[in-house]
Every structure is written in C-alpha cells, then in structure tokens.
Amino acid sequence: MAYELLSNRNVELGLQVILIYINDMLNGWFINGFLLMIWFSVAFGLFFFQLRTKAGGDFPVCVAVAGFVTSITAILLRLVTDENGNHPLVSLNTLGVVFVITFIGIIWLWFSKR
C-alpha cells in the first residue's frame, strides 16, 4: 500500500496542512491524542498547582476547567480545514465527546459542592 507523501500537499499554505496530513496518516488519532494531552495537562497541572499553593487540591474544579479549555481548543481546531475548505481537523464525533466530557465535569463539580 502506497502512502501519501507530505510533498504531495501544498505546505506553503500553512501549518494546518501539516496537521491535517499527520491526522490523515494516523486515521484521526492525532487530534484525539492532542486534545487528550491538553485535558490531562490542564487538569493535573491545575490540581498540583492547587496542592502546592493551598492545603489541598479540588479535583472536580480541575476537571471542569480542563473540560472548558479542551472544548474551546476543540472548537478552534474545528475551524481548521484543508486547502479546499472542507475536511476539518476535529470531527463532529470528537467534538461531541469533548462536550460530553465537559458536561460530566460540570455535573461532578455541581454535585461535589453540595
């Protein structure tokens, strides 16, 4: 099976061409891993920052904030398309999963404060 090379794409259009190429070669798993890395970085970074500065960390708050940051990032990456204006970087399924995770974080935060 022949793979498409990066030289077949017009890289002069910008970084989005390279990101879409990597995502295509990994069958969409690149952007999913990227969003997961953002969620983990924000959630645990904020949690350990709270542990260091306060007496303890509030993990439901960290999960809710990480969900919001990941949702905003996913929405912005959804706007990135290829040179024809179609084939967005983030699929609707991935965007839906990110919104569900954000909603679960908000519900967890809501019920942990009662």
N, C-alpha and C. Protein backbone atom coordinates (compact mmCIF):
# COMPACT_ATOMS: atom_id res chain seq x y z
N MET A 1 0.85 -1.18 0.00
CA MET A 1 0.00 0.00 0.00
C MET A 1 0.89 1.23 0.00
N ALA A 2 0.64 2.12 -0.93
CA ALA A 2 1.44 3.34 -1.03
C ALA A 2 0.84 4.42 -0.15
N TYR A 3 1.69 5.08 0.59
CA TYR A 3 1.25 6.17 1.46
C TYR A 3 1.42 7.50 0.75
N GLU A 4 0.55 8.43 1.07
CA GLU A 4 0.67 9.77 0.52
C GLU A 4 1.83 10.49 1.20
N LEU A 5 2.64 11.14 0.43
CA LEU A 5 3.77 11.86 0.98
C LEU A 5 3.39 13.30 1.27
N LEU A 6 4.11 13.90 2.19
CA LEU A 6 3.86 15.30 2.52
C LEU A 6 4.17 16.22 1.34
N SER A 7 5.06 15.78 0.46
CA SER A 7 5.40 16.60 -0.70
C SER A 7 4.24 16.69 -1.70
N ASN A 8 3.24 15.82 -1.58
CA ASN A 8 2.07 15.89 -2.45
C ASN A 8 1.10 16.99 -2.02
N ARG A 9 1.29 17.53 -0.85
CA ARG A 9 0.41 18.59 -0.35
C ARG A 9 1.10 19.94 -0.45
N ASN A 10 0.31 20.99 -0.55
CA ASN A 10 0.85 22.34 -0.67
C ASN A 10 1.14 22.88 0.74
N VAL A 11 2.36 22.66 1.20
CA VAL A 11 2.75 23.03 2.56
C VAL A 11 2.89 24.55 2.71
N GLU A 12 2.99 25.26 1.59
CA GLU A 12 3.13 26.71 1.65
C GLU A 12 1.88 27.39 2.18
N LEU A 13 0.76 26.68 2.25
CA LEU A 13 -0.48 27.27 2.75
C LEU A 13 -0.47 27.48 4.26
N GLY A 14 0.36 26.76 4.98
CA GLY A 14 0.46 26.97 6.42
C GLY A 14 0.59 25.68 7.21
N LEU A 15 0.63 25.85 8.52
CA LEU A 15 0.82 24.73 9.44
C LEU A 15 -0.37 23.77 9.42
N GLN A 16 -1.56 24.28 9.10
CA GLN A 16 -2.73 23.42 9.12
C GLN A 16 -2.61 22.28 8.11
N VAL A 17 -1.87 22.47 7.03
CA VAL A 17 -1.69 21.40 6.05
C VAL A 17 -0.89 20.25 6.67
N ILE A 18 0.13 20.59 7.44
CA ILE A 18 0.93 19.56 8.10
C ILE A 18 0.12 18.85 9.17
N LEU A 19 -0.67 19.60 9.94
CA LEU A 19 -1.50 18.98 10.97
C LEU A 19 -2.55 18.05 10.37
N ILE A 20 -3.17 18.47 9.28
CA ILE A 20 -4.17 17.62 8.63
C ILE A 20 -3.50 16.39 8.02
N TYR A 21 -2.29 16.55 7.47
CA TYR A 21 -1.56 15.41 6.92
C TYR A 21 -1.25 14.38 8.02
N ILE A 22 -0.75 14.84 9.15
CA ILE A 22 -0.45 13.91 10.25
C ILE A 22 -1.72 13.23 10.73
N ASN A 23 -2.81 13.98 10.84
CA ASN A 23 -4.07 13.42 11.29
C ASN A 23 -4.59 12.39 10.28
N ASP A 24 -4.42 12.65 8.99
CA ASP A 24 -4.84 11.69 7.97
C ASP A 24 -4.01 10.42 8.01
N MET A 25 -2.72 10.55 8.23
CA MET A 25 -1.85 9.37 8.26
C MET A 25 -2.12 8.50 9.50
N LEU A 26 -2.60 9.09 10.57
CA LEU A 26 -2.90 8.34 11.79
C LEU A 26 -4.39 8.04 11.94
N ASN A 27 -5.14 8.19 10.87
CA ASN A 27 -6.57 7.89 10.83
C ASN A 27 -7.37 8.67 11.88
N GLY A 28 -7.02 9.90 12.12
CA GLY A 28 -7.76 10.75 13.03
C GLY A 28 -7.34 10.64 14.49
N TRP A 29 -6.38 9.80 14.81
CA TRP A 29 -5.98 9.62 16.20
C TRP A 29 -5.05 10.72 16.70
N PHE A 30 -4.42 11.46 15.80
CA PHE A 30 -3.50 12.51 16.23
C PHE A 30 -4.24 13.59 17.00
N ILE A 31 -5.34 14.07 16.45
CA ILE A 31 -6.04 15.18 17.10
C ILE A 31 -6.72 14.71 18.37
N ASN A 32 -7.17 13.45 18.40
CA ASN A 32 -7.76 12.92 19.63
C ASN A 32 -6.71 12.86 20.75
N GLY A 33 -5.51 12.38 20.42
CA GLY A 33 -4.43 12.35 21.40
C GLY A 33 -4.00 13.74 21.82
N PHE A 34 -4.02 14.68 20.89
CA PHE A 34 -3.65 16.06 21.20
C PHE A 34 -4.65 16.68 22.18
N LEU A 35 -5.93 16.47 21.94
CA LEU A 35 -6.95 17.00 22.85
C LEU A 35 -6.90 16.32 24.22
N LEU A 36 -6.62 15.02 24.22
CA LEU A 36 -6.48 14.30 25.49
C LEU A 36 -5.28 14.82 26.27
N MET A 37 -4.19 15.12 25.57
CA MET A 37 -3.00 15.67 26.22
C MET A 37 -3.29 17.05 26.81
N ILE A 38 -4.08 17.86 26.12
CA ILE A 38 -4.45 19.17 26.65
C ILE A 38 -5.29 19.00 27.91
N TRP A 39 -6.25 18.07 27.87
CA TRP A 39 -7.11 17.85 29.03
C TRP A 39 -6.29 17.40 30.24
N PHE A 40 -5.42 16.40 30.04
CA PHE A 40 -4.59 15.92 31.14
C PHE A 40 -3.66 17.00 31.67
N SER A 41 -3.06 17.76 30.77
CA SER A 41 -2.12 18.81 31.19
C SER A 41 -2.81 19.87 32.04
N VAL A 42 -3.97 20.31 31.61
CA VAL A 42 -4.69 21.34 32.36
C VAL A 42 -5.22 20.78 33.67
N ALA A 43 -5.83 19.60 33.63
CA ALA A 43 -6.44 19.05 34.84
C ALA A 43 -5.40 18.77 35.92
N PHE A 44 -4.36 18.04 35.58
CA PHE A 44 -3.37 17.68 36.59
C PHE A 44 -2.43 18.83 36.91
N GLY A 45 -2.16 19.69 35.93
CA GLY A 45 -1.34 20.87 36.21
C GLY A 45 -2.03 21.79 37.20
N LEU A 46 -3.31 22.03 37.00
CA LEU A 46 -4.07 22.86 37.93
C LEU A 46 -4.21 22.19 39.30
N PHE A 47 -4.41 20.86 39.30
CA PHE A 47 -4.56 20.15 40.57
C PHE A 47 -3.28 20.21 41.39
N PHE A 48 -2.13 19.96 40.75
CA PHE A 48 -0.88 20.00 41.51
C PHE A 48 -0.47 21.42 41.87
N PHE A 49 -0.90 22.40 41.07
CA PHE A 49 -0.69 23.80 41.45
C PHE A 49 -1.50 24.13 42.70
N GLN A 50 -2.73 23.64 42.76
CA GLN A 50 -3.55 23.86 43.96
C GLN A 50 -2.95 23.14 45.17
N LEU A 51 -2.44 21.96 44.98
CA LEU A 51 -1.81 21.23 46.09
C LEU A 51 -0.61 22.00 46.64
N ARG A 52 0.14 22.62 45.74
CA ARG A 52 1.35 23.31 46.17
C ARG A 52 1.02 24.65 46.83
N THR A 53 0.01 25.35 46.37
CA THR A 53 -0.27 26.69 46.89
C THR A 53 -1.27 26.69 48.04
N LYS A 54 -2.17 25.72 48.07
CA LYS A 54 -3.16 25.65 49.14
C LYS A 54 -2.93 24.38 49.94
N ALA A 55 -3.78 24.16 50.91
CA ALA A 55 -3.65 22.96 51.74
C ALA A 55 -4.03 21.70 50.97
N GLY A 56 -4.89 21.82 49.97
CA GLY A 56 -5.31 20.65 49.19
C GLY A 56 -5.84 21.08 47.85
N GLY A 57 -5.98 20.11 46.96
CA GLY A 57 -6.49 20.40 45.63
C GLY A 57 -7.96 20.00 45.52
N ASP A 58 -8.67 20.69 44.66
CA ASP A 58 -10.08 20.41 44.41
C ASP A 58 -10.18 19.81 43.01
N PHE A 59 -10.18 18.48 42.93
CA PHE A 59 -10.11 17.81 41.64
C PHE A 59 -11.34 18.03 40.77
N PRO A 60 -12.57 18.08 41.29
CA PRO A 60 -13.71 18.37 40.41
C PRO A 60 -13.61 19.74 39.72
N VAL A 61 -13.05 20.73 40.39
CA VAL A 61 -12.85 22.03 39.76
C VAL A 61 -11.85 21.90 38.63
N CYS A 62 -10.79 21.15 38.86
CA CYS A 62 -9.76 20.97 37.84
C CYS A 62 -10.31 20.25 36.61
N VAL A 63 -11.18 19.26 36.83
CA VAL A 63 -11.78 18.53 35.72
C VAL A 63 -12.71 19.44 34.92
N ALA A 64 -13.48 20.27 35.61
CA ALA A 64 -14.40 21.19 34.91
C ALA A 64 -13.63 22.23 34.11
N VAL A 65 -12.57 22.80 34.69
CA VAL A 65 -11.77 23.79 33.98
C VAL A 65 -11.07 23.15 32.78
N ALA A 66 -10.54 21.95 32.97
CA ALA A 66 -9.89 21.25 31.86
C ALA A 66 -10.88 20.95 30.74
N GLY A 67 -12.10 20.64 31.10
CA GLY A 67 -13.13 20.40 30.09
C GLY A 67 -13.43 21.65 29.28
N PHE A 68 -13.52 22.81 29.96
CA PHE A 68 -13.77 24.05 29.25
C PHE A 68 -12.61 24.41 28.33
N VAL A 69 -11.39 24.27 28.81
CA VAL A 69 -10.22 24.60 27.99
C VAL A 69 -10.14 23.67 26.78
N THR A 70 -10.41 22.39 26.98
CA THR A 70 -10.37 21.44 25.87
C THR A 70 -11.51 21.70 24.89
N SER A 71 -12.67 22.10 25.39
CA SER A 71 -13.79 22.42 24.49
C SER A 71 -13.47 23.62 23.62
N ILE A 72 -12.91 24.65 24.21
CA ILE A 72 -12.55 25.83 23.42
C ILE A 72 -11.48 25.48 22.39
N THR A 73 -10.50 24.68 22.79
CA THR A 73 -9.46 24.26 21.85
C THR A 73 -10.05 23.43 20.72
N ALA A 74 -10.97 22.53 21.04
CA ALA A 74 -11.59 21.69 20.01
C ALA A 74 -12.43 22.52 19.05
N ILE A 75 -13.13 23.52 19.57
CA ILE A 75 -13.91 24.39 18.69
C ILE A 75 -13.00 25.17 17.75
N LEU A 76 -11.90 25.69 18.28
CA LEU A 76 -10.97 26.43 17.43
C LEU A 76 -10.31 25.52 16.39
N LEU A 77 -9.97 24.30 16.78
CA LEU A 77 -9.37 23.37 15.83
C LEU A 77 -10.39 22.84 14.82
N ARG A 78 -11.66 22.90 15.16
CA ARG A 78 -12.71 22.53 14.20
C ARG A 78 -12.74 23.49 13.02
N LEU A 79 -12.31 24.73 13.25
CA LEU A 79 -12.30 25.73 12.18
C LEU A 79 -11.15 25.53 11.20
N VAL A 80 -10.17 24.71 11.56
CA VAL A 80 -9.02 24.45 10.68
C VAL A 80 -9.44 23.42 9.63
N THR A 81 -9.36 23.82 8.37
CA THR A 81 -9.74 22.92 7.27
C THR A 81 -8.58 22.81 6.28
N ASP A 82 -8.74 21.93 5.31
CA ASP A 82 -7.70 21.79 4.29
C ASP A 82 -7.82 22.91 3.26
N GLU A 83 -7.02 22.82 2.21
CA GLU A 83 -6.97 23.91 1.24
C GLU A 83 -8.25 24.08 0.44
N ASN A 84 -9.12 23.08 0.42
CA ASN A 84 -10.39 23.18 -0.30
C ASN A 84 -11.52 23.72 0.56
N GLY A 85 -11.26 23.90 1.84
CA GLY A 85 -12.29 24.42 2.73
C GLY A 85 -13.16 23.35 3.36
N ASN A 86 -12.85 22.10 3.12
CA ASN A 86 -13.59 21.01 3.77
C ASN A 86 -12.61 20.15 4.54
N HIS A 87 -13.07 19.05 5.09
CA HIS A 87 -12.23 18.13 5.87
C HIS A 87 -11.62 18.83 7.09
N PRO A 88 -12.47 19.16 8.09
CA PRO A 88 -11.95 19.85 9.28
C PRO A 88 -11.03 18.94 10.10
N LEU A 89 -10.20 19.57 10.91
CA LEU A 89 -9.22 18.82 11.71
C LEU A 89 -9.90 18.02 12.81
N VAL A 90 -10.93 18.56 13.44
CA VAL A 90 -11.66 17.87 14.51
C VAL A 90 -13.01 17.43 13.94
N SER A 91 -13.29 16.15 14.06
CA SER A 91 -14.57 15.64 13.55
C SER A 91 -15.70 15.98 14.52
N LEU A 92 -16.92 15.84 14.03
CA LEU A 92 -18.08 16.11 14.88
C LEU A 92 -18.19 15.10 16.02
N ASN A 93 -17.77 13.86 15.77
CA ASN A 93 -17.80 12.85 16.82
C ASN A 93 -16.84 13.23 17.96
N THR A 94 -15.64 13.67 17.60
CA THR A 94 -14.68 14.09 18.62
C THR A 94 -15.19 15.30 19.38
N LEU A 95 -15.77 16.25 18.66
CA LEU A 95 -16.32 17.43 19.32
C LEU A 95 -17.45 17.06 20.27
N GLY A 96 -18.27 16.10 19.87
CA GLY A 96 -19.34 15.64 20.75
C GLY A 96 -18.81 14.97 22.01
N VAL A 97 -17.78 14.16 21.86
CA VAL A 97 -17.17 13.50 23.03
C VAL A 97 -16.57 14.54 23.97
N VAL A 98 -15.92 15.55 23.42
CA VAL A 98 -15.33 16.61 24.26
C VAL A 98 -16.42 17.35 25.02
N PHE A 99 -17.54 17.64 24.36
CA PHE A 99 -18.64 18.33 25.05
C PHE A 99 -19.26 17.45 26.15
N VAL A 100 -19.37 16.16 25.90
CA VAL A 100 -19.92 15.25 26.91
C VAL A 100 -18.98 15.18 28.12
N ILE A 101 -17.68 15.12 27.88
CA ILE A 101 -16.72 15.09 29.00
C ILE A 101 -16.78 16.39 29.78
N THR A 102 -16.93 17.52 29.08
CA THR A 102 -17.07 18.80 29.76
C THR A 102 -18.34 18.83 30.60
N PHE A 103 -19.43 18.34 30.05
CA PHE A 103 -20.70 18.30 30.78
C PHE A 103 -20.61 17.40 32.01
N ILE A 104 -19.93 16.27 31.89
CA ILE A 104 -19.74 15.38 33.05
C ILE A 104 -18.91 16.08 34.13
N GLY A 105 -17.89 16.83 33.72
CA GLY A 105 -17.09 17.58 34.68
C GLY A 105 -17.92 18.64 35.41
N ILE A 106 -18.81 19.31 34.67
CA ILE A 106 -19.66 20.33 35.29
C ILE A 106 -20.63 19.69 36.28
N ILE A 107 -21.22 18.56 35.88
CA ILE A 107 -22.14 17.85 36.78
C ILE A 107 -21.41 17.38 38.03
N TRP A 108 -20.21 16.84 37.87
CA TRP A 108 -19.41 16.39 39.02
C TRP A 108 -19.09 17.56 39.94
N LEU A 109 -18.73 18.69 39.37
CA LEU A 109 -18.46 19.88 40.17
C LEU A 109 -19.71 20.34 40.90
N TRP A 110 -20.85 20.32 40.22
CA TRP A 110 -22.11 20.76 40.81
C TRP A 110 -22.49 19.90 42.02
N PHE A 111 -22.37 18.58 41.87
CA PHE A 111 -22.77 17.69 42.97
C PHE A 111 -21.70 17.56 44.05
N SER A 112 -20.47 17.92 43.78
CA SER A 112 -19.44 17.83 44.81
C SER A 112 -19.50 19.00 45.78
N LYS A 113 -20.18 20.08 45.41
CA LYS A 113 -20.26 21.26 46.25
C LYS A 113 -21.46 21.22 47.19
N ARG A 114 -22.29 20.23 47.10
CA ARG A 114 -23.47 20.15 47.96
C ARG A 114 -23.18 19.46 49.24
